[in-house]
Amino acid sequence: MSDTPTPSGGDVTPPERPHRTFLVVVDQSEEMRAALRFACKRARNTNGQVALLHVIEPAEFQHFASIGKIMNEEARAESEELLQRLAAEVNRCSGHVPTLYVREGDPPEELIKLVAEEPTISILVLAAGSGPEGPGPLVSDLSGKLGRALRIPVTVVPGQLTDEQIDVLA
């Protein structure tokens, strides 16, 4: 049986629309909180979901392989702890448990790969830094390789917005 209306006008249940998934790249920056709150509020208001990506950059210390391995294991444990803490916050704010992704490598490259691999991700939410150092590396990369490689829209949230301002906008 088809999910399209019949010529006789019979009622048919329309196919369910896929949920929007708002991807937030997690780091230790203050402005990331603005992107996270915006994504949570948009997800709640549109019956969407939030996904969190944290990219672990390779350890610089490669002189002794065992030390590099320990550093990578510690970085992964810290990443997972951070994501679990933020997942609880996302669940409270959006009403849904987020999808969590941990990748190792170059953040822009890993972001591009994840978006290409996961068709459920529909919107990337980033926050722009408000300090003198500029908007942040991922936001800056949008004008180059990152912007050309993404198949989804990007929402850039000003990092200095208050929670109340974000709530009104989302």
Protein backbone atom coordinates (compact mmCIF):
# COMPACT_ATOMS: atom_id res chain seq x y z
CA MET A 1 0.00 0.00 0.00
CA SER A 2 1.25 3.44 -0.89
CA ASP A 3 1.51 6.40 1.50
CA THR A 4 0.18 8.80 -1.11
CA PRO A 5 -3.42 9.96 -1.40
CA THR A 6 -5.66 7.66 -3.43
CA PRO A 7 -7.70 8.97 -6.36
CA SER A 8 -10.87 8.16 -4.43
CA GLY A 9 -9.85 10.65 -1.73
CA GLY A 10 -9.30 8.02 0.99
CA ASP A 11 -7.27 9.01 4.02
CA VAL A 12 -3.71 7.80 3.97
CA THR A 13 -1.07 8.44 6.62
CA PRO A 14 1.67 10.65 5.19
CA PRO A 15 5.24 9.37 5.48
CA GLU A 16 7.01 10.56 8.61
CA ARG A 17 9.50 13.33 7.97
CA PRO A 18 13.00 12.63 9.18
CA HIS A 19 14.01 14.57 12.28
CA ARG A 20 16.44 17.42 11.95
CA THR A 21 19.76 16.74 13.60
CA PHE A 22 21.69 19.77 14.76
CA LEU A 23 25.43 19.03 14.97
CA VAL A 24 27.54 20.98 17.47
CA VAL A 25 31.33 20.71 17.45
CA VAL A 26 32.40 20.50 21.08
CA ASP A 27 35.53 22.20 22.33
CA GLN A 28 36.59 24.05 25.47
CA SER A 29 35.74 27.52 24.14
CA GLU A 30 33.29 29.76 25.93
CA GLU A 31 31.36 30.47 22.74
CA MET A 32 30.66 26.76 22.19
CA ARG A 33 28.03 27.11 24.92
CA ALA A 34 26.07 29.53 22.70
CA ALA A 35 26.06 27.04 19.82
CA LEU A 36 25.02 24.24 22.17
CA ARG A 37 22.13 26.19 23.68
CA PHE A 38 20.92 27.36 20.25
CA ALA A 39 20.99 23.80 18.88
CA CYS A 40 19.12 22.47 21.92
CA LYS A 41 16.41 25.11 21.70
CA ARG A 42 16.00 24.66 17.93
CA ALA A 43 15.82 20.90 18.39
CA ARG A 44 13.17 21.26 21.10
CA ASN A 45 11.13 23.72 18.99
CA THR A 46 11.27 21.59 15.82
CA ASN A 47 11.12 18.10 17.34
CA GLY A 48 14.72 17.62 16.26
CA GLN A 49 17.77 16.09 17.82
CA VAL A 50 21.24 17.24 18.76
CA ALA A 51 24.50 15.50 17.91
CA LEU A 52 27.81 16.36 19.54
CA LEU A 53 31.20 15.94 17.88
CA HIS A 54 34.48 16.17 19.75
CA VAL A 55 37.68 15.80 17.76
CA ILE A 56 40.82 14.71 19.57
CA GLU A 57 43.86 16.14 17.89
CA PRO A 58 46.81 13.73 17.68
CA ALA A 59 49.35 13.98 20.49
CA GLU A 60 52.34 16.10 19.56
CA PHE A 61 54.68 13.99 21.65
CA GLN A 62 55.69 11.08 19.41
CA HIS A 63 59.24 10.51 20.66
CA PHE A 64 58.26 7.42 22.59
CA ALA A 65 55.30 5.47 21.20
CA SER A 66 54.16 4.31 24.64
CA ILE A 67 53.95 7.89 25.94
CA GLY A 68 52.02 8.98 22.85
CA LYS A 69 49.61 6.08 23.36
CA ILE A 70 49.04 7.03 27.01
CA MET A 71 48.44 10.65 25.99
CA ASN A 72 45.89 9.55 23.38
CA GLU A 73 44.11 7.31 25.90
CA GLU A 74 43.94 10.18 28.41
CA ALA A 75 42.63 12.54 25.74
CA ARG A 76 39.93 10.01 24.75
CA ALA A 77 38.86 9.56 28.39
CA GLU A 78 38.66 13.35 28.85
CA SER A 79 36.69 13.66 25.61
CA GLU A 80 34.20 11.01 26.65
CA GLU A 81 33.79 12.61 30.09
CA LEU A 82 33.17 16.02 28.50
CA LEU A 83 30.62 14.57 26.05
CA GLN A 84 28.77 12.70 28.81
CA ARG A 85 28.54 15.88 30.89
CA LEU A 86 27.26 17.86 27.91
CA ALA A 87 24.88 15.04 26.92
CA ALA A 88 23.10 15.39 30.26
CA GLU A 89 22.79 19.13 29.64
CA VAL A 90 21.47 18.56 26.10
CA ASN A 91 18.93 16.05 27.39
CA ARG A 92 17.63 18.56 29.96
CA CYS A 93 17.50 21.43 27.45
CA SER A 94 16.24 19.67 24.30
CA GLY A 95 14.26 16.79 25.76
CA HIS A 96 16.27 14.17 23.83
CA VAL A 97 19.46 12.22 24.39
CA PRO A 98 22.04 13.43 21.85
CA THR A 99 24.11 11.33 19.51
CA LEU A 100 27.77 11.46 20.47
CA TYR A 101 30.75 11.27 18.13
CA VAL A 102 34.42 11.13 19.09
CA ARG A 103 36.94 11.35 16.28
CA GLU A 104 40.72 11.61 16.19
CA GLY A 105 42.49 13.86 13.70
CA ASP A 106 42.23 17.32 12.21
CA PRO A 107 38.94 18.95 13.34
CA PRO A 108 37.84 20.37 9.95
CA GLU A 109 38.68 17.13 8.14
CA GLU A 110 36.89 14.98 10.72
CA LEU A 111 33.85 17.28 10.60
CA ILE A 112 33.67 16.96 6.81
CA LYS A 113 33.99 13.16 7.01
CA LEU A 114 31.27 12.86 9.66
CA VAL A 115 28.78 15.00 7.74
CA ALA A 116 29.48 12.96 4.60
CA GLU A 117 29.02 9.65 6.45
CA GLU A 118 25.90 10.55 8.45
CA PRO A 119 22.89 11.49 6.31
CA THR A 120 20.85 12.24 9.44
CA ILE A 121 22.92 15.33 10.22
CA SER A 122 21.05 18.23 8.67
CA ILE A 123 22.42 21.46 10.20
CA LEU A 124 25.81 22.42 11.60
CA VAL A 125 25.67 24.92 14.48
CA LEU A 126 28.83 26.84 15.31
CA ALA A 127 29.44 29.85 17.50
CA ALA A 128 31.66 32.73 16.50
CA GLY A 129 34.18 33.94 19.02
CA SER A 130 33.70 37.50 20.14
CA GLY A 131 37.28 38.22 21.20
CA PRO A 132 40.12 39.93 19.36
CA GLU A 133 41.50 36.58 18.14
CA GLY A 134 38.68 36.29 15.62
CA PRO A 135 35.63 34.14 15.08
CA GLY A 136 37.34 30.79 15.69
CA PRO A 137 39.06 28.29 13.42
CA LEU A 138 36.00 26.40 12.15
CA VAL A 139 34.03 29.56 11.44
CA SER A 140 37.06 30.96 9.61
CA ASP A 141 37.40 27.71 7.64
CA LEU A 142 33.84 28.12 6.30
CA SER A 143 35.11 30.49 3.64
CA GLY A 144 37.51 27.85 2.35
CA LYS A 145 37.65 24.07 2.18
CA LEU A 146 35.09 23.48 4.91
CA GLY A 147 32.43 25.62 3.28
CA ARG A 148 32.81 23.95 -0.11
CA ALA A 149 32.83 20.41 1.31
CA LEU A 150 29.66 20.55 3.44
CA ARG A 151 26.31 19.41 2.06
CA ILE A 152 24.31 21.01 4.88
CA PRO A 153 23.49 24.56 5.99
CA VAL A 154 25.55 26.16 8.73
CA THR A 155 24.16 28.37 11.46
CA VAL A 156 26.72 30.66 13.09
CA VAL A 157 25.61 31.94 16.49
CA PRO A 158 27.32 35.04 17.90
CA GLY A 159 29.24 33.76 20.90
CA GLN A 160 28.47 36.75 23.11
CA LEU A 161 24.68 36.23 23.11
CA THR A 162 23.04 35.65 26.46
CA ASP A 163 20.90 32.60 27.15
CA GLU A 164 17.82 34.81 27.03
CA GLN A 165 18.78 36.23 23.63
CA ILE A 166 19.40 32.73 22.28
CA ASP A 167 16.07 31.51 23.60
CA VAL A 168 14.26 34.31 21.75
CA LEU A 169 16.11 33.61 18.48
CA ALA A 170 15.74 29.82 18.59
